[in-house]
Amino acid sequence: MKDFFFNSETDLLQLSLPVFMKFEAKPNLFFNLGGFIGYNVDVSSEINGRSTNDLIKNWEAGLLAGVEYHIYKGIFVELRYNYGLTNLQNSPENVGDIIEDLAEIKTRALFFGVGFQF
């Protein structure tokens, strides 16, 4: 019996535009809910050393949720989670004599920020 092993790696540089609403839960504590759209600026994808960049879509969309806390005189910290809804895979990949139907590719991201609001 012959085993087939696939080694894949994808690097993605994406420009995202978040659109969300901020709700004040308590003084200095806010919750963010909304969505985002993203455009892939640079994609580098390989399966078993073979480039497969054409398999990744150029855009994506998803949901986001976060919390923001204002510490002192305009200084705040923020934690936000992005959950991609779009399958980034364009189509199945033909590798030799077999067609490899890749699993869905979706992004997930956790952001932490420190900022100043004036």
C-alpha atoms as a PDB file:
ATOM      1  CA  MET A   1       0.000   0.000   0.000  1.00  0.00           C
ATOM      2  CA  LYS A   2       1.351   3.418  -0.971  1.00  0.00           C
ATOM      3  CA  ASP A   3       0.836   6.398   1.342  1.00  0.00           C
ATOM      4  CA  PHE A   4       0.375   9.918   0.002  1.00  0.00           C
ATOM      5  CA  PHE A   5       1.581  12.793   2.153  1.00  0.00           C
ATOM      6  CA  PHE A   6       0.995  16.437   1.272  1.00  0.00           C
ATOM      7  CA  ASN A   7       3.083  19.172   2.799  1.00  0.00           C
ATOM      8  CA  SER A   8       1.508  22.591   2.251  1.00  0.00           C
ATOM      9  CA  GLU A   9       2.360  26.079   3.435  1.00  0.00           C
ATOM     10  CA  THR A  10       0.654  29.396   2.710  1.00  0.00           C
ATOM     11  CA  ASP A  11       1.854  32.882   3.653  1.00  0.00           C
ATOM     12  CA  LEU A  12      -0.761  35.603   3.322  1.00  0.00           C
ATOM     13  CA  LEU A  13      -0.332  39.385   3.558  1.00  0.00           C
ATOM     14  CA  GLN A  14      -3.766  40.957   3.749  1.00  0.00           C
ATOM     15  CA  LEU A  15      -5.050  44.526   3.966  1.00  0.00           C
ATOM     16  CA  SER A  16      -8.251  44.503   6.043  1.00  0.00           C
ATOM     17  CA  LEU A  17     -10.905  47.169   6.466  1.00  0.00           C
ATOM     18  CA  PRO A  18     -12.907  46.693   9.684  1.00  0.00           C
ATOM     19  CA  VAL A  19     -16.381  48.204   9.969  1.00  0.00           C
ATOM     20  CA  PHE A  20     -17.888  47.933  13.426  1.00  0.00           C
ATOM     21  CA  MET A  21     -20.072  49.547  16.051  1.00  0.00           C
ATOM     22  CA  LYS A  22     -18.778  50.357  19.518  1.00  0.00           C
ATOM     23  CA  PHE A  23     -21.073  49.936  22.518  1.00  0.00           C
ATOM     24  CA  GLU A  24     -20.329  51.400  25.942  1.00  0.00           C
ATOM     25  CA  ALA A  25     -20.988  48.715  28.572  1.00  0.00           C
ATOM     26  CA  LYS A  26     -19.662  50.694  31.553  1.00  0.00           C
ATOM     27  CA  PRO A  27     -17.678  53.893  31.832  1.00  0.00           C
ATOM     28  CA  ASN A  28     -14.319  53.239  30.073  1.00  0.00           C
ATOM     29  CA  LEU A  29     -15.370  49.725  28.887  1.00  0.00           C
ATOM     30  CA  PHE A  30     -16.549  49.223  25.289  1.00  0.00           C
ATOM     31  CA  PHE A  31     -17.520  46.254  23.112  1.00  0.00           C
ATOM     32  CA  ASN A  32     -17.032  46.180  19.336  1.00  0.00           C
ATOM     33  CA  LEU A  33     -19.152  44.122  16.907  1.00  0.00           C
ATOM     34  CA  GLY A  34     -19.072  44.193  13.131  1.00  0.00           C
ATOM     35  CA  GLY A  35     -17.365  42.821  10.090  1.00  0.00           C
ATOM     36  CA  PHE A  36     -14.367  43.227   7.834  1.00  0.00           C
ATOM     37  CA  ILE A  37     -13.382  42.889   4.223  1.00  0.00           C
ATOM     38  CA  GLY A  38      -9.851  41.996   3.221  1.00  0.00           C
ATOM     39  CA  TYR A  39      -7.765  42.170   0.062  1.00  0.00           C
ATOM     40  CA  ASN A  40      -4.790  39.835  -0.296  1.00  0.00           C
ATOM     41  CA  VAL A  41      -1.768  41.989  -1.168  1.00  0.00           C
ATOM     42  CA  ASP A  42       0.689  39.075  -1.373  1.00  0.00           C
ATOM     43  CA  VAL A  43       0.151  35.307  -1.379  1.00  0.00           C
ATOM     44  CA  SER A  44       2.802  32.608  -1.328  1.00  0.00           C
ATOM     45  CA  SER A  45       1.408  29.078  -1.365  1.00  0.00           C
ATOM     46  CA  GLU A  46       3.111  25.729  -2.000  1.00  0.00           C
ATOM     47  CA  ILE A  47       2.032  22.075  -1.986  1.00  0.00           C
ATOM     48  CA  ASN A  48       4.957  19.651  -1.938  1.00  0.00           C
ATOM     49  CA  GLY A  49       7.283  22.410  -3.191  1.00  0.00           C
ATOM     50  CA  ARG A  50       5.026  23.378  -6.114  1.00  0.00           C
ATOM     51  CA  SER A  51       3.604  26.933  -6.316  1.00  0.00           C
ATOM     52  CA  THR A  52      -0.191  27.090  -6.069  1.00  0.00           C
ATOM     53  CA  ASN A  53      -0.776  30.846  -5.720  1.00  0.00           C
ATOM     54  CA  ASP A  54      -3.630  30.798  -8.252  1.00  0.00           C
ATOM     55  CA  LEU A  55      -5.686  28.660  -5.852  1.00  0.00           C
ATOM     56  CA  ILE A  56      -6.121  31.489  -3.320  1.00  0.00           C
ATOM     57  CA  LYS A  57      -8.843  34.117  -3.834  1.00  0.00           C
ATOM     58  CA  ASN A  58      -7.878  37.808  -3.797  1.00  0.00           C
ATOM     59  CA  TRP A  59     -10.456  38.898  -1.206  1.00  0.00           C
ATOM     60  CA  GLU A  60     -12.285  37.733   1.877  1.00  0.00           C
ATOM     61  CA  ALA A  61     -14.948  38.860   4.343  1.00  0.00           C
ATOM     62  CA  GLY A  62     -15.723  38.002   7.935  1.00  0.00           C
ATOM     63  CA  LEU A  63     -16.984  38.987  11.355  1.00  0.00           C
ATOM     64  CA  LEU A  64     -15.202  40.671  14.229  1.00  0.00           C
ATOM     65  CA  ALA A  65     -15.764  41.138  17.936  1.00  0.00           C
ATOM     66  CA  GLY A  66     -13.674  42.973  20.475  1.00  0.00           C
ATOM     67  CA  VAL A  67     -13.339  44.739  23.767  1.00  0.00           C
ATOM     68  CA  GLU A  68     -11.717  48.096  24.498  1.00  0.00           C
ATOM     69  CA  TYR A  69     -10.793  49.594  27.856  1.00  0.00           C
ATOM     70  CA  HIS A  70      -9.868  53.255  28.376  1.00  0.00           C
ATOM     71  CA  ILE A  71      -7.176  53.401  31.040  1.00  0.00           C
ATOM     72  CA  TYR A  72      -6.282  57.035  31.640  1.00  0.00           C
ATOM     73  CA  LYS A  73      -6.719  60.361  29.765  1.00  0.00           C
ATOM     74  CA  GLY A  74      -7.177  58.942  26.273  1.00  0.00           C
ATOM     75  CA  ILE A  75      -4.888  55.889  26.607  1.00  0.00           C
ATOM     76  CA  PHE A  76      -6.674  52.619  25.865  1.00  0.00           C
ATOM     77  CA  VAL A  77      -6.031  48.928  25.225  1.00  0.00           C
ATOM     78  CA  GLU A  78      -7.975  46.829  22.767  1.00  0.00           C
ATOM     79  CA  LEU A  79      -8.419  43.127  22.031  1.00  0.00           C
ATOM     80  CA  ARG A  80     -10.203  42.060  18.835  1.00  0.00           C
ATOM     81  CA  TYR A  81     -10.868  38.724  17.110  1.00  0.00           C
ATOM     82  CA  ASN A  82     -11.503  38.401  13.358  1.00  0.00           C
ATOM     83  CA  TYR A  83     -13.308  35.306  12.079  1.00  0.00           C
ATOM     84  CA  GLY A  84     -13.121  34.807   8.294  1.00  0.00           C
ATOM     85  CA  LEU A  85     -16.293  33.516   6.626  1.00  0.00           C
ATOM     86  CA  THR A  86     -14.998  33.231   3.061  1.00  0.00           C
ATOM     87  CA  ASN A  87     -13.331  30.073   1.782  1.00  0.00           C
ATOM     88  CA  LEU A  88     -10.059  31.375   0.300  1.00  0.00           C
ATOM     89  CA  GLN A  89      -9.619  28.306  -1.925  1.00  0.00           C
ATOM     90  CA  ASN A  90     -10.520  28.889  -5.604  1.00  0.00           C
ATOM     91  CA  SER A  91     -10.836  25.284  -6.832  1.00  0.00           C
ATOM     92  CA  PRO A  92      -9.518  21.763  -6.341  1.00  0.00           C
ATOM     93  CA  GLU A  93      -5.844  21.170  -7.180  1.00  0.00           C
ATOM     94  CA  ASN A  94      -4.796  18.651  -9.835  1.00  0.00           C
ATOM     95  CA  VAL A  95      -1.619  16.970  -8.549  1.00  0.00           C
ATOM     96  CA  GLY A  96      -0.380  14.374 -11.043  1.00  0.00           C
ATOM     97  CA  ASP A  97      -2.930  11.584 -11.430  1.00  0.00           C
ATOM     98  CA  ILE A  98      -5.085  12.634  -8.499  1.00  0.00           C
ATOM     99  CA  ILE A  99      -7.271  15.614  -7.777  1.00  0.00           C
ATOM    100  CA  GLU A 100      -6.710  16.986  -4.311  1.00  0.00           C
ATOM    101  CA  ASP A 101      -9.788  18.722  -2.939  1.00  0.00           C
ATOM    102  CA  LEU A 102      -8.240  20.916  -0.271  1.00  0.00           C
ATOM    103  CA  ALA A 103     -10.142  21.591   2.914  1.00  0.00           C
ATOM    104  CA  GLU A 104     -11.641  25.026   3.360  1.00  0.00           C
ATOM    105  CA  ILE A 105      -9.094  27.774   3.974  1.00  0.00           C
ATOM    106  CA  LYS A 106     -10.361  30.496   6.304  1.00  0.00           C
ATOM    107  CA  THR A 107      -8.480  33.111   8.292  1.00  0.00           C
ATOM    108  CA  ARG A 108      -8.648  33.715  12.008  1.00  0.00           C
ATOM    109  CA  ALA A 109      -6.820  36.610  13.670  1.00  0.00           C
ATOM    110  CA  LEU A 110      -6.386  37.942  17.186  1.00  0.00           C
ATOM    111  CA  PHE A 111      -5.355  41.595  17.551  1.00  0.00           C
ATOM    112  CA  PHE A 112      -4.018  43.414  20.581  1.00  0.00           C
ATOM    113  CA  GLY A 113      -3.552  47.154  20.507  1.00  0.00           C
ATOM    114  CA  VAL A 114      -2.554  50.089  22.667  1.00  0.00           C
ATOM    115  CA  GLY A 115      -3.687  53.507  21.534  1.00  0.00           C
ATOM    116  CA  PHE A 116      -4.304  57.140  22.338  1.00  0.00           C
ATOM    117  CA  GLN A 117      -7.595  58.878  21.630  1.00  0.00           C
ATOM    118  CA  PHE A 118      -7.774  62.666  21.549  1.00  0.00           C
END
